[in-house]
Amino acid sequence: MAKLAINGGTPAVKDWIPTRWPIFDERDKQALIETLESGNWCCMWSQDSKVAKFEKEFAEYIGTKYATCVNSGTASLELAFRSCDIEPGDEVIVTAVSFVASASAIVLAGGVPVFVDVDPETYQMSPDAVESAITDRTRVIETVHYGGYPCDMDRITEIAKKHNLFIVEDCAEAHGTEWRGKKVGSIGDIGGFSFQMGKNLTCGDGGAMTYSKDELSISCYSYSRYGNVPGGERYVHYVPAGNFRMSEFLGALLSVQLSRHAEQTEIRYQNGEYFAQELEKIGGISALKRDPRITKRGYYFYLLRYDASKWGGVHRNKFREALAAEGVNTGTAHNDPIYMNPAFQNIKRSLLHGSKMDYTKVHCPEAERIYTSEVIALGKDFLMERGNVDRILDAIRKLRDNIDELVKLK
């Protein structure tokens, strides 16, 4: 008689503990109502706005001198690159593995993305690959903390200093992540954050840049607000720029959401460590490398490394199918290499400003291997309940206990 659900057996998981995201209560409602009734719905020109208040709170939380809110995470990156004064055709080194916006923001700012391979143990950009990709046109290294796991900021900071390069941290999926006790977004020159609804700090949509250098403060602010400067005259504009402002409603909501963030991050972190430890006992499927320099993880994805050789040669896709039948749905997150998207395979040459870059010839073997046969991704929300972590572990243990039946699925 079949035991695995994929063969008609009873699923291992039938009673998930309900979770919801985003999390809100009366405080969030009251913040929105107060903003509505104030009649001040735009942060323009007001130094006492809800957005300005959140910017101060967020800068303090991240550990930077400044924060500037914008209307999306993509905008935060585009304006960060502009603030680094990249010129048309300048190169920005970026990981092959991330959401497409990590690279499209470079193009929007006039730069040329140079994709590099990942470290197979962390799924983050390989520092060796970064150094090998540097040319006389390189201006910025974009450290994407993919899924909430931080890049090797020791090595990359050393490389950037050696070659006099800017570091823009893409923290869109890493709110609360720490490297040696410092939050990401405070280590490089500029951090870029997203507050899109799925992120672990959200207002529905929005973004922010974090930075400490005074020489960047005018650029980051001006590029986001029609070229105005902080405290300047209303209709005096210092650079040609667009409008990327955040609404007062979102600023008010973020202040309340931020008040919960540290506690939520700690819950996910502790449950994530527990999950990793229990997976090691099962074998054949593991969390990303545990590194003592990572002092906190702010999860967006929980990325797992599947080793088919430890599961009788069962392909990752068949394993995921069997796990889904047991009640645990998974994905591959953003692990499909960015350069394989039509946006880059068929990119207009005019967007590359004379660069000879040909993305049809880019090949990052580790990124491609991981995407096709190794990575298994879970979202962040199960980490809020230890009971749900245990349910997933039970499903994986069931597949392990019935591996002979699983192997026959090949």
Protein backbone atom coordinates (compact mmCIF):
# COMPACT_ATOMS: atom_id res chain seq x y z
CA MET A 1 0.00 0.00 0.00
CA ALA A 2 1.34 3.43 -0.99
CA LYS A 3 2.50 5.67 1.83
CA LEU A 4 3.52 8.73 -0.19
CA ALA A 5 0.72 11.15 -1.01
CA ILE A 6 1.89 11.41 -4.61
CA ASN A 7 0.95 7.75 -4.95
CA GLY A 8 -2.39 8.10 -3.17
CA GLY A 9 -1.28 8.02 0.46
CA THR A 10 -2.40 10.46 3.16
CA PRO A 11 -0.60 13.85 3.02
CA ALA A 12 1.78 14.58 5.88
CA VAL A 13 0.49 18.13 6.34
CA LYS A 14 -3.22 18.87 6.57
CA ASP A 15 -3.46 21.37 9.42
CA TRP A 16 -1.28 24.42 8.80
CA ILE A 17 -1.28 27.05 11.53
CA PRO A 18 -2.88 30.04 9.76
CA THR A 19 -0.51 32.91 9.03
CA ARG A 20 -1.27 36.23 7.41
CA TRP A 21 0.81 38.89 5.78
CA PRO A 22 0.90 41.78 6.10
CA ILE A 23 0.26 41.92 9.83
CA PHE A 24 -1.68 44.97 11.04
CA ASP A 25 -3.91 46.11 13.88
CA GLU A 26 -5.72 49.19 15.13
CA ARG A 27 -2.48 51.20 15.28
CA ASP A 28 -2.04 50.90 11.51
CA LYS A 29 -5.67 51.88 10.91
CA GLN A 30 -5.37 54.87 13.24
CA ALA A 31 -2.18 56.06 11.53
CA LEU A 32 -3.94 56.04 8.16
CA ILE A 33 -7.06 57.76 9.52
CA GLU A 34 -4.98 60.48 11.19
CA THR A 35 -3.17 61.13 7.91
CA LEU A 36 -6.46 61.20 6.02
CA GLU A 37 -8.04 63.66 8.42
CA SER A 38 -4.95 65.89 8.52
CA GLY A 39 -5.47 66.81 4.88
CA ASN A 40 -1.71 66.63 4.35
CA TRP A 41 -1.33 63.68 2.00
CA CYS A 42 1.93 64.70 0.29
CA CYS A 43 5.36 64.91 1.93
CA MET A 44 6.52 67.65 -0.45
CA TRP A 45 8.32 70.52 1.28
CA SER A 46 7.40 69.45 4.78
CA GLN A 47 10.26 68.66 7.16
CA ASP A 48 7.70 67.45 9.72
CA SER A 49 5.92 65.03 7.42
CA LYS A 50 5.05 61.40 8.17
CA VAL A 51 7.60 60.37 5.55
CA ALA A 52 10.32 62.53 7.14
CA LYS A 53 9.52 60.97 10.52
CA PHE A 54 9.87 57.46 9.13
CA GLU A 55 13.10 58.39 7.33
CA LYS A 56 14.64 59.38 10.67
CA GLU A 57 13.38 56.21 12.34
CA PHE A 58 14.58 53.96 9.53
CA ALA A 59 18.03 55.55 9.34
CA GLU A 60 18.42 55.01 13.08
CA TYR A 61 17.23 51.41 12.76
CA ILE A 62 19.62 50.59 9.91
CA GLY A 63 22.50 52.52 11.45
CA THR A 64 23.02 55.28 8.88
CA LYS A 65 22.99 59.05 9.08
CA TYR A 66 20.36 59.45 6.39
CA ALA A 67 17.44 57.68 4.75
CA THR A 68 15.47 58.96 1.76
CA CYS A 69 12.15 57.35 0.91
CA VAL A 70 11.04 56.76 -2.68
CA ASN A 71 8.13 55.04 -4.39
CA SER A 72 9.70 51.62 -5.05
CA GLY A 73 12.71 49.45 -4.41
CA THR A 74 13.66 49.69 -8.08
CA ALA A 75 13.68 53.48 -7.81
CA SER A 76 15.91 53.29 -4.72
CA LEU A 77 18.52 51.40 -6.77
CA GLU A 78 18.23 53.55 -9.88
CA LEU A 79 18.70 56.74 -7.85
CA ALA A 80 21.52 55.16 -5.84
CA PHE A 81 23.42 54.50 -9.08
CA ARG A 82 22.72 58.04 -10.28
CA SER A 83 24.02 59.37 -6.98
CA CYS A 84 27.27 57.48 -7.61
CA ASP A 85 27.61 59.63 -10.77
CA ILE A 86 27.78 56.73 -13.18
CA GLU A 87 28.10 57.87 -16.78
CA PRO A 88 26.44 56.25 -19.80
CA GLY A 89 28.23 52.98 -20.48
CA ASP A 90 29.83 52.66 -17.04
CA GLU A 91 29.74 49.09 -15.74
CA VAL A 92 28.06 47.86 -12.59
CA ILE A 93 28.92 44.36 -11.38
CA VAL A 94 25.85 42.45 -10.21
CA THR A 95 24.98 38.87 -9.34
CA ALA A 96 23.38 36.67 -11.97
CA VAL A 97 20.82 35.54 -9.38
CA SER A 98 18.21 38.03 -8.17
CA PHE A 99 14.95 39.64 -9.17
CA VAL A 100 15.30 41.39 -12.53
CA ALA A 101 15.06 44.87 -10.95
CA SER A 102 18.58 44.46 -9.52
CA ALA A 103 19.86 44.70 -13.10
CA SER A 104 17.17 46.77 -14.82
CA ALA A 105 17.81 49.60 -12.33
CA ILE A 106 21.38 49.74 -13.61
CA VAL A 107 20.15 50.16 -17.19
CA LEU A 108 17.64 52.82 -16.12
CA ALA A 109 20.52 54.80 -14.60
CA GLY A 110 22.56 54.56 -17.81
CA GLY A 111 24.88 51.78 -16.69
CA VAL A 112 25.74 48.37 -18.12
CA PRO A 113 25.11 45.32 -15.91
CA VAL A 114 28.01 42.86 -15.76
CA PHE A 115 26.70 39.58 -14.41
CA VAL A 116 28.87 37.37 -12.20
CA ASP A 117 28.44 33.85 -10.88
CA VAL A 118 27.51 32.86 -7.35
CA ASP A 119 29.12 31.00 -4.49
CA PRO A 120 27.47 27.54 -4.48
CA GLU A 121 27.32 27.44 -0.68
CA THR A 122 25.58 30.80 -0.22
CA TYR A 123 23.89 31.62 -3.58
CA GLN A 124 25.39 35.12 -3.26
CA MET A 125 27.80 36.79 -5.69
CA SER A 126 31.25 35.19 -5.68
CA PRO A 127 33.92 37.70 -4.57
CA ASP A 128 36.46 35.97 -6.85
CA ALA A 129 34.08 36.39 -9.80
CA VAL A 130 33.59 40.05 -8.86
CA GLU A 131 37.30 40.79 -8.90
CA SER A 132 37.75 38.98 -12.21
CA ALA A 133 34.99 41.07 -13.81
CA ILE A 134 36.51 44.48 -13.02
CA THR A 135 37.55 46.58 -16.03
CA ASP A 136 38.51 50.21 -16.57
CA ARG A 137 34.79 50.96 -17.06
CA THR A 138 33.67 49.48 -13.71
CA ARG A 139 32.18 52.07 -11.38
CA VAL A 140 30.01 50.18 -8.86
CA ILE A 141 29.68 46.78 -7.22
CA GLU A 142 26.04 46.03 -6.43
CA THR A 143 25.86 43.59 -3.53
CA VAL A 144 22.47 41.92 -3.72
CA HIS A 145 21.66 40.24 -0.40
CA TYR A 146 19.50 37.71 -2.19
CA GLY A 147 16.69 36.15 -0.17
CA GLY A 148 17.99 37.90 2.95
CA TYR A 149 21.37 36.14 3.02
CA PRO A 150 24.21 38.71 3.04
CA CYS A 151 27.06 38.84 0.56
CA ASP A 152 30.62 38.41 1.84
CA MET A 153 30.97 42.06 2.75
CA ASP A 154 34.53 41.59 4.09
CA ARG A 155 35.90 40.50 0.72
CA ILE A 156 33.76 42.79 -1.38
CA THR A 157 34.58 45.87 0.71
CA GLU A 158 38.27 45.01 0.35
CA ILE A 159 37.90 44.65 -3.43
CA ALA A 160 35.97 47.92 -3.73
CA LYS A 161 38.60 49.84 -1.77
CA LYS A 162 41.41 48.31 -3.80
CA HIS A 163 39.80 49.41 -7.08
CA ASN A 164 38.19 52.65 -5.84
CA LEU A 165 34.64 51.50 -6.53
CA PHE A 166 31.29 52.38 -4.98
CA ILE A 167 29.24 49.69 -3.23
CA VAL A 168 25.46 49.86 -3.62
CA GLU A 169 23.74 47.31 -1.41
CA ASP A 170 20.52 45.85 -2.78
CA CYS A 171 18.70 45.13 0.47
CA ALA A 172 15.25 44.69 -1.08
CA GLU A 173 14.99 41.20 0.44
CA ALA A 174 17.17 41.66 3.51
CA HIS A 175 15.58 44.07 6.00
CA GLY A 176 17.08 43.24 9.40
CA THR A 177 19.96 41.10 8.11
CA GLU A 178 23.25 41.78 9.90
CA TRP A 179 26.90 41.21 8.97
CA ARG A 180 29.22 41.29 11.99
CA GLY A 181 26.52 43.11 13.97
CA LYS A 182 25.94 45.82 11.34
CA LYS A 183 22.71 45.90 9.42
CA VAL A 184 22.95 45.59 5.67
CA GLY A 185 22.28 48.94 4.08
CA SER A 186 24.85 50.55 6.40
CA ILE A 187 28.00 48.78 5.16
CA GLY A 188 28.36 50.01 1.58
CA ASP A 189 28.00 53.55 0.25
CA ILE A 190 24.23 53.38 -0.33
CA GLY A 191 21.62 50.78 0.56
CA GLY A 192 18.46 50.28 -1.45
CA PHE A 193 15.33 48.84 0.20
CA SER A 194 11.91 47.77 -1.04
CA PHE A 195 8.67 47.96 0.95
CA GLN A 196 6.59 46.00 -1.56
CA MET A 197 3.84 43.95 0.08
CA GLY A 198 5.73 40.65 0.20
CA LYS A 199 8.77 42.14 1.92
CA ASN A 200 9.29 41.69 5.65
CA LEU A 201 8.83 45.45 6.16
CA THR A 202 6.00 46.70 4.01
CA CYS A 203 3.58 49.48 3.21
CA GLY A 204 2.25 47.85 0.03
CA ASP A 205 4.85 49.46 -2.22
CA GLY A 206 7.70 51.88 -1.71
CA GLY A 207 11.43 52.02 -1.14
CA ALA A 208 14.25 53.85 0.60
CA MET A 209 17.93 54.67 0.22
CA THR A 210 20.16 54.59 3.31
CA TYR A 211 23.57 56.26 3.48
CA SER A 212 25.89 58.17 5.79
CA LYS A 213 28.20 60.21 3.58
CA ASP A 214 27.27 63.89 3.55
CA GLU A 215 28.39 64.22 -0.07
CA LEU A 216 25.68 61.73 -1.08
CA SER A 217 22.89 63.37 0.89
CA ILE A 218 22.09 66.08 -1.65
CA SER A 219 22.18 63.73 -4.64
CA CYS A 220 19.97 61.05 -3.10
CA TYR A 221 17.41 63.63 -2.00
CA SER A 222 17.52 65.75 -5.16
CA TYR A 223 17.20 62.89 -7.64
CA SER A 224 14.08 61.72 -5.81
CA ARG A 225 12.33 65.11 -5.61
CA TYR A 226 12.52 67.15 -8.79
CA GLY A 227 16.04 68.33 -8.05
CA ASN A 228 15.11 70.18 -4.86
CA VAL A 229 17.50 70.21 -1.90
CA PRO A 230 16.58 69.70 1.77
CA GLY A 231 15.24 72.96 3.19
CA GLY A 232 15.62 74.69 -0.18
CA GLU A 233 13.22 76.92 -2.06
CA ARG A 234 10.16 75.24 -3.50
CA TYR A 235 10.75 76.08 -7.17
CA VAL A 236 14.53 76.10 -7.31
CA HIS A 237 15.84 72.88 -8.87
CA TYR A 238 19.51 71.92 -8.83
CA VAL A 239 19.56 68.83 -11.10
CA PRO A 240 17.20 67.59 -13.81
CA ALA A 241 15.23 64.96 -11.90
CA GLY A 242 11.87 63.27 -11.64
CA ASN A 243 9.40 62.71 -8.84
CA PHE A 244 9.93 59.54 -6.81
CA ARG A 245 8.31 60.77 -3.59
CA MET A 246 6.52 58.48 -1.15
CA SER A 247 2.99 59.37 -0.05
CA GLU A 248 2.22 60.44 3.51
CA PHE A 249 -0.10 57.48 3.95
CA LEU A 250 2.75 55.05 3.29
CA GLY A 251 5.13 56.92 5.57
CA ALA A 252 2.60 56.75 8.40
CA LEU A 253 2.01 53.05 7.83
CA LEU A 254 5.74 52.27 7.76
CA SER A 255 6.36 53.88 11.14
CA VAL A 256 3.89 51.47 12.72
CA GLN A 257 5.18 48.49 10.75
CA LEU A 258 8.76 49.29 11.79
CA SER A 259 7.77 49.12 15.47
CA ARG A 260 7.14 45.38 15.01
CA HIS A 261 10.03 44.57 12.73
CA ALA A 262 12.77 43.68 15.21
CA GLU A 263 10.52 41.20 17.03
CA GLN A 264 9.32 39.60 13.79
CA THR A 265 12.88 39.34 12.52
CA GLU A 266 14.00 37.60 15.71
CA ILE A 267 11.18 35.06 15.50
CA ARG A 268 12.05 34.19 11.90
CA TYR A 269 15.74 34.07 12.69
CA GLN A 270 15.36 31.65 15.61
CA ASN A 271 12.97 29.42 13.69
CA GLY A 272 15.27 29.56 10.67
CA GLU A 273 18.22 28.36 12.74
CA TYR A 274 16.11 25.56 14.21
CA PHE A 275 14.98 24.52 10.71
CA ALA A 276 18.60 24.39 9.49
CA GLN A 277 19.67 22.23 12.42
CA GLU A 278 16.83 19.75 11.94
CA LEU A 279 17.45 19.49 8.20
CA GLU A 280 21.04 18.45 8.91
CA LYS A 281 19.68 15.48 10.86
CA ILE A 282 17.60 14.38 7.87
CA GLY A 283 20.39 14.75 5.31
CA GLY A 284 20.36 15.39 1.58
CA ILE A 285 18.66 18.77 1.86
CA SER A 286 20.24 21.67 3.71
CA ALA A 287 20.00 25.36 4.41
CA LEU A 288 22.54 27.79 2.99
CA LYS A 289 25.93 27.83 4.70
CA ARG A 290 25.86 28.97 8.32
CA ASP A 291 28.48 31.69 8.77
CA PRO A 292 29.31 33.19 12.20
CA ARG A 293 29.81 36.59 10.57
CA ILE A 294 26.06 36.59 9.82
CA THR A 295 24.70 37.77 13.15
CA LYS A 296 21.06 38.05 12.02
CA ARG A 297 19.00 36.95 9.03
CA GLY A 298 16.08 38.97 7.76
CA TYR A 299 14.36 36.40 5.56
CA TYR A 300 12.48 36.90 2.32
CA PHE A 301 13.11 33.39 0.99
CA TYR A 302 14.31 30.31 2.82
CA LEU A 303 16.58 28.72 0.21
CA LEU A 304 17.37 25.01 0.42
CA ARG A 305 20.14 23.03 -1.29
CA TYR A 306 18.87 19.72 -2.62
CA ASP A 307 21.40 16.94 -3.25
CA ALA A 308 19.88 14.35 -5.59
CA SER A 309 22.73 11.92 -4.93
CA LYS A 310 21.50 11.59 -1.34
CA TRP A 311 17.95 10.86 -2.51
CA GLY A 312 18.63 7.91 -4.79
CA GLY A 313 19.08 10.12 -7.84
CA VAL A 314 15.55 11.55 -7.66
CA HIS A 315 15.57 14.85 -9.56
CA ARG A 316 14.87 18.04 -7.66
CA ASN A 317 11.68 18.62 -9.66
CA LYS A 318 10.27 15.19 -8.80
CA PHE A 319 11.19 15.74 -5.13
CA ARG A 320 9.31 19.06 -5.16
CA GLU A 321 6.32 17.33 -6.75
CA ALA A 322 6.31 14.68 -4.03
CA LEU A 323 6.70 17.32 -1.31
CA ALA A 324 3.79 19.31 -2.75
CA ALA A 325 1.61 16.21 -2.59
CA GLU A 326 2.46 15.99 1.12
CA GLY A 327 1.12 19.54 1.53
CA VAL A 328 4.28 21.65 1.19
CA ASN A 329 4.44 23.87 -1.89
CA THR A 330 7.84 25.19 -2.93
CA GLY A 331 9.41 27.16 -5.76
CA THR A 332 12.76 28.22 -7.17
CA ALA A 333 12.45 31.90 -6.14
CA HIS A 334 14.50 34.25 -8.34
CA ASN A 335 17.21 31.72 -9.09
CA ASP A 336 16.70 31.78 -12.85
CA PRO A 337 19.70 33.85 -14.02
CA ILE A 338 18.69 37.39 -14.87
CA TYR A 339 20.62 37.45 -18.14
CA MET A 340 18.39 34.65 -19.48
CA ASN A 341 15.37 36.97 -19.41
CA PRO A 342 14.24 38.36 -22.80
CA ALA A 343 14.87 41.85 -21.39
CA PHE A 344 18.61 41.11 -21.63
CA GLN A 345 18.74 38.45 -24.33
CA ASN A 346 17.03 40.93 -26.69
CA ILE A 347 18.21 44.21 -25.18
CA LYS A 348 18.26 47.27 -27.43
CA ARG A 349 21.84 48.22 -28.20
CA SER A 350 21.02 51.89 -27.57
CA LEU A 351 20.51 51.04 -23.87
CA LEU A 352 24.13 49.86 -23.60
CA HIS A 353 25.65 53.16 -24.78
CA GLY A 354 28.26 51.66 -27.11
CA SER A 355 29.20 48.72 -24.89
CA LYS A 356 29.96 45.48 -26.72
CA MET A 357 28.22 43.45 -24.02
CA ASP A 358 26.34 40.47 -25.49
CA TYR A 359 24.12 38.80 -22.91
CA THR A 360 23.39 35.85 -25.22
CA LYS A 361 26.98 34.77 -24.59
CA VAL A 362 26.98 35.19 -20.80
CA HIS A 363 27.29 31.90 -18.93
CA CYS A 364 27.41 31.53 -15.15
CA PRO A 365 27.70 27.77 -14.62
CA GLU A 366 26.99 27.64 -10.89
CA ALA A 367 23.94 29.88 -11.16
CA GLU A 368 22.56 27.79 -14.01
CA ARG A 369 23.25 24.46 -12.29
CA ILE A 370 21.64 25.59 -9.04
CA TYR A 371 18.54 26.83 -10.86
CA THR A 372 18.01 23.68 -12.93
CA SER A 373 18.68 21.00 -10.35
CA GLU A 374 19.39 22.17 -6.79
CA VAL A 375 17.51 25.12 -5.27
CA ILE A 376 14.22 24.64 -3.43
CA ALA A 377 12.66 27.82 -2.08
CA LEU A 378 10.13 28.54 0.64
CA GLY A 379 8.63 31.93 1.44
CA LYS A 380 9.28 33.73 4.71
CA ASP A 381 5.86 33.42 6.35
CA PHE A 382 6.13 29.83 7.63
CA LEU A 383 8.98 31.01 9.87
CA MET A 384 6.58 32.99 12.05
CA GLU A 385 5.20 29.75 13.55
CA ARG A 386 7.48 27.00 14.94
CA GLY A 387 4.59 24.58 14.42
CA ASN A 388 4.63 25.20 10.68
CA VAL A 389 8.39 24.63 10.59
CA ASP A 390 7.78 21.26 12.25
CA ARG A 391 5.08 20.41 9.72
CA ILE A 392 7.49 20.95 6.83
CA LEU A 393 10.12 18.88 8.59
CA ASP A 394 7.57 16.09 9.07
CA ALA A 395 6.84 16.09 5.34
CA ILE A 396 10.52 15.90 4.43
CA ARG A 397 11.11 13.16 7.00
CA LYS A 398 8.25 11.18 5.48
CA LEU A 399 9.93 11.33 2.07
CA ARG A 400 13.20 10.22 3.67
CA ASP A 401 11.52 7.35 5.53
CA ASN A 402 9.92 6.17 2.29
CA ILE A 403 12.85 6.78 -0.04
CA ASP A 404 12.45 3.41 -1.76
CA GLU A 405 8.96 4.43 -2.86
CA LEU A 406 10.24 7.89 -3.82
CA VAL A 407 13.04 6.43 -5.99
CA LYS A 408 10.48 4.45 -8.00
CA LEU A 409 8.98 7.77 -9.14
CA LYS A 410 12.01 8.35 -11.34
